Amino acid sequence: MTTSSTLTHFDAQGQAHMVDVAAKAATHRIAVAQGRIVMQAATLAVILAGSAKKGDVLGIARVAGIMAAKKTSDLIPLCHPLALTRVAIAFEPEESSSSIACSATVETVGQTGVEMEALTAAQIALLTIYDMCKAIDRGMTITDLRVIEKHGGKSGSFVVVA
């Protein structure tokens, strides 16, 4: 893992500021974030059967994740508003652990990365699953949210090796 010796969201006086990306080249940028929600087996069965009282849990969660990626700069104070070119949300149910993994892939052509948009999309998709199923399972746990892949920009690629 590489780390920088300075935090870019602070100026020389230690004041928070939005990073100036004007001089950076616009490149194709991709980020993938992933998280997981763990639940009771019966809750997973309801989701997979499509019989939740509030409707299509994964369909609504997918739309929520897409909407969240587009609103990231409204939620995180120093994020730049970005023209996203693609947001894809995928779910992978795992019956053996009574969980659903969510991955969010976000792309743009721009001067700054889309890691925050991918993280926000995955988290909000998972929170939406919680919201839609909390009446039957308040003990659900959201876990393991992280960036697993990033491409583009000066720092190049980053991929978590499993």
N, C-alpha and C. Protein backbone atom coordinates (compact mmCIF):
# COMPACT_ATOMS: atom_id res chain seq x y z
N MET A 1 0.85 -1.17 0.00
CA MET A 1 0.00 0.00 0.00
C MET A 1 0.89 1.23 0.00
N THR A 2 0.54 2.19 -0.85
CA THR A 2 1.30 3.43 -0.86
C THR A 2 0.55 4.48 -0.07
N THR A 3 1.29 5.31 0.60
CA THR A 3 0.69 6.40 1.35
C THR A 3 1.43 7.68 1.01
N SER A 4 0.71 8.77 1.10
CA SER A 4 1.31 10.08 0.85
C SER A 4 1.67 10.69 2.19
N SER A 5 2.73 11.50 2.19
CA SER A 5 3.15 12.12 3.44
C SER A 5 2.31 13.35 3.79
N THR A 6 1.53 13.84 2.83
CA THR A 6 0.67 15.00 3.12
C THR A 6 -0.77 14.67 2.74
N LEU A 7 -1.68 15.25 3.48
CA LEU A 7 -3.09 15.10 3.18
C LEU A 7 -3.50 16.23 2.25
N THR A 8 -4.07 15.90 1.10
CA THR A 8 -4.34 16.90 0.08
C THR A 8 -5.56 17.77 0.38
N HIS A 9 -6.37 17.42 1.35
CA HIS A 9 -7.54 18.22 1.64
C HIS A 9 -7.28 19.31 2.68
N PHE A 10 -6.00 19.56 2.97
CA PHE A 10 -5.63 20.64 3.88
C PHE A 10 -4.60 21.54 3.19
N ASP A 11 -4.74 22.85 3.36
CA ASP A 11 -3.77 23.77 2.77
C ASP A 11 -2.57 23.92 3.71
N ALA A 12 -1.65 24.79 3.35
CA ALA A 12 -0.42 24.97 4.13
C ALA A 12 -0.69 25.46 5.55
N GLN A 13 -1.83 26.10 5.76
CA GLN A 13 -2.18 26.58 7.10
C GLN A 13 -3.03 25.57 7.89
N GLY A 14 -3.27 24.42 7.30
CA GLY A 14 -4.04 23.38 7.98
C GLY A 14 -5.55 23.53 7.83
N GLN A 15 -5.98 24.40 6.94
CA GLN A 15 -7.41 24.62 6.71
C GLN A 15 -7.93 23.63 5.66
N ALA A 16 -9.11 23.09 5.90
CA ALA A 16 -9.72 22.18 4.93
C ALA A 16 -10.08 22.95 3.66
N HIS A 17 -9.85 22.32 2.51
CA HIS A 17 -10.21 22.92 1.24
C HIS A 17 -10.46 21.83 0.21
N MET A 18 -11.17 22.19 -0.84
CA MET A 18 -11.37 21.27 -1.95
C MET A 18 -10.11 21.31 -2.81
N VAL A 19 -9.59 20.14 -3.12
CA VAL A 19 -8.36 20.03 -3.91
C VAL A 19 -8.58 20.63 -5.30
N ASP A 20 -7.62 21.42 -5.76
CA ASP A 20 -7.67 22.00 -7.10
C ASP A 20 -7.19 20.95 -8.09
N VAL A 21 -8.08 20.48 -8.95
CA VAL A 21 -7.72 19.45 -9.93
C VAL A 21 -7.60 20.01 -11.34
N ALA A 22 -7.62 21.33 -11.48
CA ALA A 22 -7.63 21.96 -12.80
C ALA A 22 -6.45 21.55 -13.67
N ALA A 23 -5.28 21.38 -13.09
CA ALA A 23 -4.09 21.05 -13.88
C ALA A 23 -3.96 19.55 -14.17
N LYS A 24 -4.82 18.73 -13.59
CA LYS A 24 -4.73 17.29 -13.80
C LYS A 24 -5.34 16.90 -15.13
N ALA A 25 -4.76 15.90 -15.76
CA ALA A 25 -5.28 15.40 -17.03
C ALA A 25 -6.58 14.62 -16.79
N ALA A 26 -7.51 14.79 -17.71
CA ALA A 26 -8.74 13.99 -17.67
C ALA A 26 -8.41 12.60 -18.20
N THR A 27 -8.67 11.58 -17.40
CA THR A 27 -8.44 10.20 -17.81
C THR A 27 -9.67 9.37 -17.48
N HIS A 28 -9.75 8.20 -18.10
CA HIS A 28 -10.84 7.26 -17.79
C HIS A 28 -10.54 6.68 -16.41
N ARG A 29 -11.47 6.85 -15.50
CA ARG A 29 -11.27 6.41 -14.11
C ARG A 29 -12.37 5.44 -13.72
N ILE A 30 -11.97 4.40 -13.02
CA ILE A 30 -12.89 3.35 -12.58
C ILE A 30 -12.58 3.03 -11.13
N ALA A 31 -13.62 2.83 -10.34
CA ALA A 31 -13.44 2.33 -8.97
C ALA A 31 -14.52 1.29 -8.70
N VAL A 32 -14.13 0.26 -7.96
CA VAL A 32 -15.07 -0.77 -7.53
C VAL A 32 -14.98 -0.86 -6.02
N ALA A 33 -16.13 -0.74 -5.36
CA ALA A 33 -16.21 -0.90 -3.91
C ALA A 33 -17.12 -2.08 -3.62
N GLN A 34 -16.87 -2.69 -2.48
CA GLN A 34 -17.65 -3.86 -2.12
C GLN A 34 -17.96 -3.85 -0.63
N GLY A 35 -19.10 -4.35 -0.27
CA GLY A 35 -19.50 -4.52 1.12
C GLY A 35 -20.43 -5.71 1.22
N ARG A 36 -20.86 -5.99 2.43
CA ARG A 36 -21.69 -7.17 2.67
C ARG A 36 -22.70 -6.87 3.77
N ILE A 37 -23.88 -7.48 3.65
CA ILE A 37 -24.87 -7.43 4.72
C ILE A 37 -25.18 -8.86 5.13
N VAL A 38 -25.06 -9.10 6.42
CA VAL A 38 -25.29 -10.42 6.99
C VAL A 38 -26.64 -10.40 7.70
N MET A 39 -27.41 -11.46 7.53
CA MET A 39 -28.78 -11.49 8.05
C MET A 39 -29.16 -12.90 8.46
N GLN A 40 -30.35 -13.04 9.00
CA GLN A 40 -30.88 -14.36 9.30
C GLN A 40 -31.17 -15.08 7.98
N ALA A 41 -31.07 -16.41 8.02
CA ALA A 41 -31.34 -17.20 6.82
C ALA A 41 -32.76 -16.96 6.29
N ALA A 42 -33.71 -16.79 7.19
CA ALA A 42 -35.10 -16.56 6.77
C ALA A 42 -35.24 -15.22 6.04
N THR A 43 -34.48 -14.23 6.45
CA THR A 43 -34.51 -12.92 5.78
C THR A 43 -33.97 -13.04 4.37
N LEU A 44 -32.85 -13.74 4.22
CA LEU A 44 -32.29 -13.95 2.89
C LEU A 44 -33.28 -14.69 2.00
N ALA A 45 -33.96 -15.67 2.56
CA ALA A 45 -34.94 -16.43 1.79
C ALA A 45 -36.07 -15.53 1.29
N VAL A 46 -36.54 -14.61 2.13
CA VAL A 46 -37.59 -13.67 1.73
C VAL A 46 -37.10 -12.79 0.58
N ILE A 47 -35.88 -12.29 0.70
CA ILE A 47 -35.31 -11.43 -0.35
C ILE A 47 -35.21 -12.19 -1.66
N LEU A 48 -34.66 -13.39 -1.60
CA LEU A 48 -34.45 -14.17 -2.83
C LEU A 48 -35.76 -14.64 -3.46
N ALA A 49 -36.79 -14.86 -2.62
CA ALA A 49 -38.09 -15.27 -3.15
C ALA A 49 -38.87 -14.09 -3.71
N GLY A 50 -38.42 -12.88 -3.41
CA GLY A 50 -39.13 -11.69 -3.88
C GLY A 50 -40.43 -11.45 -3.15
N SER A 51 -40.51 -11.95 -1.91
CA SER A 51 -41.77 -11.85 -1.18
C SER A 51 -41.76 -10.83 -0.04
N ALA A 52 -40.80 -9.91 -0.05
CA ALA A 52 -40.77 -8.87 0.98
C ALA A 52 -41.97 -7.96 0.81
N LYS A 53 -42.57 -7.53 1.91
CA LYS A 53 -43.77 -6.69 1.86
C LYS A 53 -43.53 -5.36 1.14
N LYS A 54 -42.30 -4.85 1.23
CA LYS A 54 -42.01 -3.55 0.60
C LYS A 54 -41.67 -3.68 -0.89
N GLY A 55 -41.57 -4.90 -1.41
CA GLY A 55 -41.33 -5.07 -2.84
C GLY A 55 -39.99 -5.71 -3.15
N ASP A 56 -39.50 -5.44 -4.34
CA ASP A 56 -38.26 -6.02 -4.87
C ASP A 56 -37.06 -5.39 -4.16
N VAL A 57 -36.58 -6.05 -3.13
CA VAL A 57 -35.52 -5.50 -2.28
C VAL A 57 -34.27 -5.19 -3.10
N LEU A 58 -33.79 -6.14 -3.86
CA LEU A 58 -32.53 -5.92 -4.59
C LEU A 58 -32.70 -4.92 -5.73
N GLY A 59 -33.85 -4.90 -6.35
CA GLY A 59 -34.10 -3.91 -7.41
C GLY A 59 -34.10 -2.49 -6.87
N ILE A 60 -34.78 -2.29 -5.75
CA ILE A 60 -34.82 -0.96 -5.12
C ILE A 60 -33.43 -0.58 -4.62
N ALA A 61 -32.71 -1.54 -4.02
CA ALA A 61 -31.36 -1.26 -3.51
C ALA A 61 -30.41 -0.90 -4.65
N ARG A 62 -30.58 -1.53 -5.80
CA ARG A 62 -29.74 -1.20 -6.97
C ARG A 62 -29.97 0.25 -7.39
N VAL A 63 -31.22 0.65 -7.49
CA VAL A 63 -31.54 2.03 -7.88
C VAL A 63 -31.01 3.01 -6.83
N ALA A 64 -31.16 2.67 -5.55
CA ALA A 64 -30.66 3.54 -4.48
C ALA A 64 -29.14 3.73 -4.58
N GLY A 65 -28.43 2.65 -4.87
CA GLY A 65 -26.97 2.74 -5.03
C GLY A 65 -26.58 3.64 -6.18
N ILE A 66 -27.28 3.53 -7.29
CA ILE A 66 -27.00 4.38 -8.46
C ILE A 66 -27.27 5.85 -8.11
N MET A 67 -28.40 6.09 -7.47
CA MET A 67 -28.72 7.47 -7.08
C MET A 67 -27.68 8.02 -6.11
N ALA A 68 -27.23 7.20 -5.18
CA ALA A 68 -26.25 7.64 -4.19
C ALA A 68 -24.93 8.04 -4.84
N ALA A 69 -24.48 7.25 -5.82
CA ALA A 69 -23.23 7.60 -6.50
C ALA A 69 -23.33 8.99 -7.11
N LYS A 70 -24.48 9.31 -7.68
CA LYS A 70 -24.67 10.61 -8.31
C LYS A 70 -24.75 11.76 -7.31
N LYS A 71 -25.02 11.46 -6.05
CA LYS A 71 -25.18 12.48 -5.01
C LYS A 71 -23.99 12.56 -4.05
N THR A 72 -22.92 11.86 -4.33
CA THR A 72 -21.81 11.78 -3.38
C THR A 72 -21.27 13.16 -2.99
N SER A 73 -21.12 14.05 -3.94
CA SER A 73 -20.58 15.38 -3.61
C SER A 73 -21.53 16.19 -2.73
N ASP A 74 -22.80 15.84 -2.71
CA ASP A 74 -23.75 16.50 -1.80
C ASP A 74 -23.61 15.98 -0.38
N LEU A 75 -23.07 14.78 -0.22
CA LEU A 75 -22.97 14.13 1.09
C LEU A 75 -21.61 14.28 1.74
N ILE A 76 -20.56 14.31 0.94
CA ILE A 76 -19.19 14.35 1.45
C ILE A 76 -18.61 15.71 1.07
N PRO A 77 -18.36 16.56 2.06
CA PRO A 77 -18.12 17.98 1.82
C PRO A 77 -17.03 18.33 0.81
N LEU A 78 -15.94 17.61 0.75
CA LEU A 78 -14.84 18.03 -0.12
C LEU A 78 -14.74 17.23 -1.42
N CYS A 79 -15.75 16.42 -1.72
CA CYS A 79 -15.79 15.68 -2.98
C CYS A 79 -16.21 16.62 -4.11
N HIS A 80 -15.60 16.42 -5.26
CA HIS A 80 -15.97 17.18 -6.44
C HIS A 80 -17.24 16.59 -7.06
N PRO A 81 -18.13 17.43 -7.57
CA PRO A 81 -19.24 16.90 -8.36
C PRO A 81 -18.68 16.34 -9.67
N LEU A 82 -19.06 15.13 -10.02
CA LEU A 82 -18.49 14.48 -11.19
C LEU A 82 -19.57 14.10 -12.19
N ALA A 83 -19.21 14.13 -13.46
CA ALA A 83 -20.10 13.63 -14.51
C ALA A 83 -19.80 12.13 -14.66
N LEU A 84 -20.60 11.32 -14.02
CA LEU A 84 -20.37 9.87 -14.06
C LEU A 84 -20.81 9.32 -15.40
N THR A 85 -20.03 8.39 -15.93
CA THR A 85 -20.38 7.78 -17.21
C THR A 85 -21.00 6.40 -17.03
N ARG A 86 -20.81 5.81 -15.85
CA ARG A 86 -21.40 4.49 -15.59
C ARG A 86 -21.44 4.23 -14.09
N VAL A 87 -22.56 3.67 -13.65
CA VAL A 87 -22.69 3.15 -12.29
C VAL A 87 -23.38 1.80 -12.41
N ALA A 88 -22.75 0.77 -11.89
CA ALA A 88 -23.34 -0.58 -11.93
C ALA A 88 -23.30 -1.17 -10.52
N ILE A 89 -24.41 -1.69 -10.09
CA ILE A 89 -24.53 -2.31 -8.77
C ILE A 89 -24.84 -3.79 -8.99
N ALA A 90 -24.07 -4.65 -8.34
CA ALA A 90 -24.29 -6.09 -8.46
C ALA A 90 -24.41 -6.70 -7.06
N PHE A 91 -25.30 -7.67 -6.93
CA PHE A 91 -25.50 -8.37 -5.67
C PHE A 91 -25.15 -9.84 -5.85
N GLU A 92 -24.52 -10.39 -4.82
CA GLU A 92 -24.18 -11.80 -4.84
C GLU A 92 -24.63 -12.43 -3.52
N PRO A 93 -25.82 -13.05 -3.52
CA PRO A 93 -26.29 -13.72 -2.31
C PRO A 93 -25.43 -14.94 -2.00
N GLU A 94 -25.22 -15.18 -0.72
CA GLU A 94 -24.46 -16.35 -0.30
C GLU A 94 -25.24 -17.04 0.82
N GLU A 95 -25.89 -18.12 0.47
CA GLU A 95 -26.75 -18.80 1.43
C GLU A 95 -25.97 -19.40 2.59
N SER A 96 -24.74 -19.85 2.36
CA SER A 96 -23.97 -20.50 3.43
C SER A 96 -23.65 -19.54 4.58
N SER A 97 -23.56 -18.23 4.28
CA SER A 97 -23.28 -17.25 5.34
C SER A 97 -24.48 -16.34 5.60
N SER A 98 -25.60 -16.63 4.98
CA SER A 98 -26.81 -15.79 5.09
C SER A 98 -26.46 -14.32 4.86
N SER A 99 -25.84 -14.05 3.73
CA SER A 99 -25.41 -12.68 3.45
C SER A 99 -25.57 -12.35 1.97
N ILE A 100 -25.46 -11.08 1.70
CA ILE A 100 -25.46 -10.59 0.32
C ILE A 100 -24.29 -9.64 0.18
N ALA A 101 -23.41 -9.94 -0.78
CA ALA A 101 -22.32 -9.03 -1.11
C ALA A 101 -22.84 -8.05 -2.15
N CYS A 102 -22.42 -6.81 -2.02
CA CYS A 102 -22.78 -5.77 -2.99
C CYS A 102 -21.50 -5.19 -3.55
N SER A 103 -21.41 -5.13 -4.87
CA SER A 103 -20.29 -4.42 -5.48
C SER A 103 -20.84 -3.28 -6.33
N ALA A 104 -20.15 -2.15 -6.24
CA ALA A 104 -20.52 -0.96 -7.00
C ALA A 104 -19.35 -0.57 -7.88
N THR A 105 -19.58 -0.49 -9.17
CA THR A 105 -18.57 -0.07 -10.13
C THR A 105 -18.99 1.30 -10.65
N VAL A 106 -18.06 2.26 -10.55
CA VAL A 106 -18.36 3.63 -10.98
C VAL A 106 -17.26 4.07 -11.94
N GLU A 107 -17.66 4.74 -13.02
CA GLU A 107 -16.70 5.22 -14.02
C GLU A 107 -16.97 6.67 -14.38
N THR A 108 -15.90 7.35 -14.80
CA THR A 108 -15.99 8.70 -15.33
C THR A 108 -14.78 8.93 -16.22
N VAL A 109 -14.83 9.98 -16.99
CA VAL A 109 -13.64 10.51 -17.65
C VAL A 109 -13.47 11.89 -17.03
N GLY A 110 -12.43 12.03 -16.23
CA GLY A 110 -12.29 13.28 -15.51
C GLY A 110 -10.94 13.44 -14.86
N GLN A 111 -10.85 14.44 -13.99
CA GLN A 111 -9.59 14.84 -13.38
C GLN A 111 -9.42 14.31 -11.96
N THR A 112 -10.41 13.60 -11.45
CA THR A 112 -10.30 13.03 -10.12
C THR A 112 -11.03 11.70 -10.08
N GLY A 113 -10.65 10.87 -9.13
CA GLY A 113 -11.15 9.50 -9.07
C GLY A 113 -12.57 9.37 -8.56
N VAL A 114 -13.08 8.16 -8.64
CA VAL A 114 -14.46 7.87 -8.28
C VAL A 114 -14.58 6.86 -7.13
N GLU A 115 -13.53 6.78 -6.30
CA GLU A 115 -13.57 5.86 -5.17
C GLU A 115 -14.69 6.20 -4.19
N MET A 116 -14.87 7.47 -3.90
CA MET A 116 -15.90 7.88 -2.94
C MET A 116 -17.29 7.58 -3.48
N GLU A 117 -17.48 7.75 -4.77
CA GLU A 117 -18.76 7.45 -5.39
C GLU A 117 -19.06 5.95 -5.31
N ALA A 118 -18.05 5.12 -5.54
CA ALA A 118 -18.25 3.67 -5.46
C ALA A 118 -18.55 3.24 -4.03
N LEU A 119 -17.81 3.79 -3.06
CA LEU A 119 -18.07 3.47 -1.65
C LEU A 119 -19.47 3.91 -1.22
N THR A 120 -19.87 5.09 -1.63
CA THR A 120 -21.19 5.61 -1.28
C THR A 120 -22.28 4.75 -1.91
N ALA A 121 -22.11 4.38 -3.16
CA ALA A 121 -23.10 3.56 -3.85
C ALA A 121 -23.28 2.21 -3.15
N ALA A 122 -22.18 1.55 -2.82
CA ALA A 122 -22.27 0.24 -2.16
C ALA A 122 -22.92 0.37 -0.79
N GLN A 123 -22.51 1.36 -0.02
CA GLN A 123 -23.06 1.53 1.33
C GLN A 123 -24.55 1.82 1.30
N ILE A 124 -24.98 2.70 0.42
CA ILE A 124 -26.40 3.06 0.37
C ILE A 124 -27.23 1.89 -0.16
N ALA A 125 -26.71 1.12 -1.08
CA ALA A 125 -27.42 -0.07 -1.54
C ALA A 125 -27.63 -1.04 -0.38
N LEU A 126 -26.59 -1.24 0.43
CA LEU A 126 -26.70 -2.13 1.59
C LEU A 126 -27.65 -1.56 2.64
N LEU A 127 -27.58 -0.26 2.88
CA LEU A 127 -28.51 0.38 3.83
C LEU A 127 -29.96 0.24 3.36
N THR A 128 -30.17 0.27 2.06
CA THR A 128 -31.51 0.11 1.52
C THR A 128 -32.04 -1.30 1.78
N ILE A 129 -31.18 -2.30 1.63
CA ILE A 129 -31.58 -3.67 1.98
C ILE A 129 -31.99 -3.70 3.45
N TYR A 130 -31.18 -3.10 4.31
CA TYR A 130 -31.52 -3.05 5.74
C TYR A 130 -32.88 -2.40 5.94
N ASP A 131 -33.08 -1.24 5.33
CA ASP A 131 -34.32 -0.50 5.51
C ASP A 131 -35.52 -1.32 5.07
N MET A 132 -35.41 -2.00 3.96
CA MET A 132 -36.54 -2.74 3.42
C MET A 132 -36.85 -4.02 4.20
N CYS A 133 -35.87 -4.50 4.99
CA CYS A 133 -36.05 -5.77 5.70
C CYS A 133 -36.00 -5.65 7.22
N LYS A 134 -35.86 -4.44 7.73
CA LYS A 134 -35.69 -4.28 9.18
C LYS A 134 -36.89 -4.74 9.98
N ALA A 135 -38.05 -4.75 9.38
CA ALA A 135 -39.24 -5.21 10.11
C ALA A 135 -39.16 -6.70 10.43
N ILE A 136 -38.41 -7.47 9.66
CA ILE A 136 -38.29 -8.90 9.93
C ILE A 136 -36.94 -9.28 10.54
N ASP A 137 -35.95 -8.37 10.46
CA ASP A 137 -34.61 -8.71 10.96
C ASP A 137 -33.84 -7.44 11.33
N ARG A 138 -33.98 -7.00 12.56
CA ARG A 138 -33.28 -5.79 13.00
C ARG A 138 -31.81 -6.04 13.29
N GLY A 139 -31.39 -7.30 13.34
CA GLY A 139 -30.01 -7.63 13.69
C GLY A 139 -29.08 -7.73 12.50
N MET A 140 -29.52 -7.31 11.32
CA MET A 140 -28.63 -7.37 10.15
C MET A 140 -27.38 -6.53 10.41
N THR A 141 -26.25 -6.97 9.85
CA THR A 141 -24.98 -6.28 10.04
C THR A 141 -24.37 -5.96 8.68
N ILE A 142 -24.02 -4.70 8.50
CA ILE A 142 -23.30 -4.29 7.29
C ILE A 142 -21.82 -4.29 7.62
N THR A 143 -21.03 -4.90 6.76
CA THR A 143 -19.62 -5.11 7.07
C THR A 143 -18.74 -5.08 5.82
N ASP A 144 -17.46 -4.99 6.05
CA ASP A 144 -16.43 -5.17 5.01
C ASP A 144 -16.50 -4.18 3.85
N LEU A 145 -16.96 -2.97 4.08
CA LEU A 145 -17.00 -1.98 3.01
C LEU A 145 -15.59 -1.50 2.71
N ARG A 146 -15.20 -1.59 1.44
CA ARG A 146 -13.85 -1.15 1.05
C ARG A 146 -13.75 -1.01 -0.47
N VAL A 147 -12.77 -0.24 -0.90
CA VAL A 147 -12.43 -0.16 -2.32
C VAL A 147 -11.62 -1.41 -2.64
N ILE A 148 -12.04 -2.13 -3.66
CA ILE A 148 -11.29 -3.33 -4.04
C ILE A 148 -10.54 -3.17 -5.36
N GLU A 149 -10.84 -2.09 -6.06
CA GLU A 149 -10.18 -1.87 -7.34
C GLU A 149 -10.31 -0.41 -7.74
N LYS A 150 -9.26 0.13 -8.36
CA LYS A 150 -9.26 1.51 -8.83
C LYS A 150 -8.29 1.61 -10.00
N HIS A 151 -8.71 2.32 -11.05
CA HIS A 151 -7.86 2.48 -12.23
C HIS A 151 -7.97 3.91 -12.74
N GLY A 152 -6.89 4.41 -13.32
CA GLY A 152 -6.88 5.74 -13.92
C GLY A 152 -6.18 6.75 -13.06
N GLY A 153 -5.80 7.84 -13.69
CA GLY A 153 -5.14 8.90 -12.96
C GLY A 153 -3.64 8.66 -12.80
N LYS A 154 -3.00 9.63 -12.18
CA LYS A 154 -1.55 9.60 -12.00
C LYS A 154 -1.08 8.42 -11.14
N SER A 155 -1.87 8.04 -10.14
CA SER A 155 -1.45 6.97 -9.25
C SER A 155 -1.65 5.58 -9.84
N GLY A 156 -2.29 5.48 -11.00
CA GLY A 156 -2.43 4.20 -11.68
C GLY A 156 -3.46 3.29 -11.04
N SER A 157 -3.17 1.99 -11.12
CA SER A 157 -4.13 0.98 -10.67
C SER A 157 -3.86 0.50 -9.27
N PHE A 158 -4.94 0.11 -8.60
CA PHE A 158 -4.90 -0.50 -7.29
C PHE A 158 -5.91 -1.63 -7.32
N VAL A 159 -5.48 -2.84 -6.97
CA VAL A 159 -6.38 -3.98 -6.93
C VAL A 159 -6.08 -4.76 -5.66
N VAL A 160 -7.13 -5.03 -4.88
CA VAL A 160 -6.96 -5.86 -3.68
C VAL A 160 -6.75 -7.30 -4.13
N VAL A 161 -5.70 -7.88 -3.64
CA VAL A 161 -5.42 -9.28 -3.96
C VAL A 161 -6.06 -10.14 -2.87
N ALA A 162 -6.95 -11.02 -3.30
CA ALA A 162 -7.69 -11.84 -2.32
C ALA A 162 -6.81 -12.86 -1.63
